[in-house]
Amino acid sequence: MTETCHIAGIVVQALPEHAAQVAARIAVRHGAEVHAVDGGKIVVVLEADSERGLAQDMDELRAEPHVLLVNLVYHEMETA
């Protein structure tokens, strides 16, 4: 059976004074890796089993305290 993995590169814009806290909360989420924090911008890679899973993860990030925007930059689907 073929498994599919969806990978998304996103930028999370947070209030600069809370960016480190937001990044720390993202980093402990399953399927999330924080790659950079610069001012209020947080570069994140998300992995999920489906596009719907990615969309749900992004919606959850949008609802996090001190998050202003979540922007999709890149999306890739890999099969194994």
C-alpha atoms as a PDB file:
ATOM      1  CA  MET A   1       0.000   0.000   0.000  1.00  0.00           C
ATOM      2  CA  THR A   2       1.316   3.443  -0.930  1.00  0.00           C
ATOM      3  CA  GLU A   3       1.556   6.032   1.831  1.00  0.00           C
ATOM      4  CA  THR A   4       1.303   9.733   1.109  1.00  0.00           C
ATOM      5  CA  CYS A   5       2.959  12.498   3.078  1.00  0.00           C
ATOM      6  CA  HIS A   6       2.138  16.161   2.558  1.00  0.00           C
ATOM      7  CA  ILE A   7       4.879  18.654   3.380  1.00  0.00           C
ATOM      8  CA  ALA A   8       4.272  22.381   3.650  1.00  0.00           C
ATOM      9  CA  GLY A   9       6.624  25.277   4.163  1.00  0.00           C
ATOM     10  CA  ILE A  10       4.877  28.092   5.988  1.00  0.00           C
ATOM     11  CA  VAL A  11       5.693  31.448   7.517  1.00  0.00           C
ATOM     12  CA  VAL A  12       3.979  32.299  10.780  1.00  0.00           C
ATOM     13  CA  GLN A  13       3.869  36.012  11.597  1.00  0.00           C
ATOM     14  CA  ALA A  14       3.649  36.623  15.341  1.00  0.00           C
ATOM     15  CA  LEU A  15       3.942  39.660  17.529  1.00  0.00           C
ATOM     16  CA  PRO A  16       7.729  40.141  17.729  1.00  0.00           C
ATOM     17  CA  GLU A  17       7.788  40.244  21.524  1.00  0.00           C
ATOM     18  CA  HIS A  18       6.055  36.836  21.632  1.00  0.00           C
ATOM     19  CA  ALA A  19       7.718  35.136  18.638  1.00  0.00           C
ATOM     20  CA  ALA A  20      10.027  32.969  20.749  1.00  0.00           C
ATOM     21  CA  GLN A  21       7.073  31.692  22.818  1.00  0.00           C
ATOM     22  CA  VAL A  22       5.007  30.990  19.696  1.00  0.00           C
ATOM     23  CA  ALA A  23       7.955  29.185  18.063  1.00  0.00           C
ATOM     24  CA  ALA A  24       8.439  27.048  21.177  1.00  0.00           C
ATOM     25  CA  ARG A  25       4.760  26.017  21.125  1.00  0.00           C
ATOM     26  CA  ILE A  26       4.981  25.162  17.417  1.00  0.00           C
ATOM     27  CA  ALA A  27       8.185  23.150  17.893  1.00  0.00           C
ATOM     28  CA  VAL A  28       6.500  20.669  20.242  1.00  0.00           C
ATOM     29  CA  ARG A  29       3.612  19.987  17.839  1.00  0.00           C
ATOM     30  CA  HIS A  30       3.595  16.613  16.098  1.00  0.00           C
ATOM     31  CA  GLY A  31       4.754  16.992  12.488  1.00  0.00           C
ATOM     32  CA  ALA A  32       6.138  20.526  12.920  1.00  0.00           C
ATOM     33  CA  GLU A  33       9.715  21.768  12.725  1.00  0.00           C
ATOM     34  CA  VAL A  34      10.755  25.365  13.358  1.00  0.00           C
ATOM     35  CA  HIS A  35      13.673  26.336  11.138  1.00  0.00           C
ATOM     36  CA  ALA A  36      14.119  30.047  11.887  1.00  0.00           C
ATOM     37  CA  VAL A  37      12.808  32.903  13.971  1.00  0.00           C
ATOM     38  CA  ASP A  38      13.538  36.456  12.823  1.00  0.00           C
ATOM     39  CA  GLY A  39      11.707  39.247  14.546  1.00  0.00           C
ATOM     40  CA  GLY A  40       8.090  38.157  14.364  1.00  0.00           C
ATOM     41  CA  LYS A  41       8.569  35.787  11.425  1.00  0.00           C
ATOM     42  CA  ILE A  42       8.780  32.055  12.118  1.00  0.00           C
ATOM     43  CA  VAL A  43       9.722  29.636   9.335  1.00  0.00           C
ATOM     44  CA  VAL A  44       8.054  26.244   9.818  1.00  0.00           C
ATOM     45  CA  VAL A  45       7.826  22.937   7.969  1.00  0.00           C
ATOM     46  CA  LEU A  46       4.665  20.918   8.573  1.00  0.00           C
ATOM     47  CA  GLU A  47       4.073  17.270   7.681  1.00  0.00           C
ATOM     48  CA  ALA A  48       0.658  15.599   7.553  1.00  0.00           C
ATOM     49  CA  ASP A  49      -1.039  12.590   5.988  1.00  0.00           C
ATOM     50  CA  SER A  50      -3.379  14.718   3.867  1.00  0.00           C
ATOM     51  CA  GLU A  51      -4.050  18.211   2.549  1.00  0.00           C
ATOM     52  CA  ARG A  52      -6.940  18.404   4.984  1.00  0.00           C
ATOM     53  CA  GLY A  53      -4.523  17.603   7.823  1.00  0.00           C
ATOM     54  CA  LEU A  54      -2.213  20.416   6.722  1.00  0.00           C
ATOM     55  CA  ALA A  55      -5.133  22.829   6.505  1.00  0.00           C
ATOM     56  CA  GLN A  56      -6.285  21.829   9.990  1.00  0.00           C
ATOM     57  CA  ASP A  57      -2.762  22.316  11.385  1.00  0.00           C
ATOM     58  CA  MET A  58      -2.557  25.757   9.788  1.00  0.00           C
ATOM     59  CA  ASP A  59      -5.983  26.709  11.186  1.00  0.00           C
ATOM     60  CA  GLU A  60      -4.849  25.614  14.655  1.00  0.00           C
ATOM     61  CA  LEU A  61      -1.717  27.745  14.317  1.00  0.00           C
ATOM     62  CA  ARG A  62      -3.831  30.746  13.293  1.00  0.00           C
ATOM     63  CA  ALA A  63      -5.798  30.336  16.521  1.00  0.00           C
ATOM     64  CA  GLU A  64      -2.651  30.380  18.709  1.00  0.00           C
ATOM     65  CA  PRO A  65      -2.253  33.432  20.967  1.00  0.00           C
ATOM     66  CA  HIS A  66      -0.081  36.207  19.486  1.00  0.00           C
ATOM     67  CA  VAL A  67      -0.190  34.770  15.928  1.00  0.00           C
ATOM     68  CA  LEU A  68      -1.113  37.362  13.324  1.00  0.00           C
ATOM     69  CA  LEU A  69      -0.853  35.416  10.041  1.00  0.00           C
ATOM     70  CA  VAL A  70      -0.042  31.957   8.715  1.00  0.00           C
ATOM     71  CA  ASN A  71       1.062  31.891   5.080  1.00  0.00           C
ATOM     72  CA  LEU A  72       1.612  28.834   2.909  1.00  0.00           C
ATOM     73  CA  VAL A  73       4.834  29.217   0.917  1.00  0.00           C
ATOM     74  CA  TYR A  74       5.373  25.703  -0.411  1.00  0.00           C
ATOM     75  CA  HIS A  75       3.458  22.429  -0.643  1.00  0.00           C
ATOM     76  CA  GLU A  76       4.742  19.030  -1.779  1.00  0.00           C
ATOM     77  CA  MET A  77       3.234  15.567  -1.777  1.00  0.00           C
ATOM     78  CA  GLU A  78       5.538  12.557  -1.415  1.00  0.00           C
ATOM     79  CA  THR A  79       4.585   8.920  -1.801  1.00  0.00           C
ATOM     80  CA  ALA A  80       6.427   5.989  -0.284  1.00  0.00           C
END
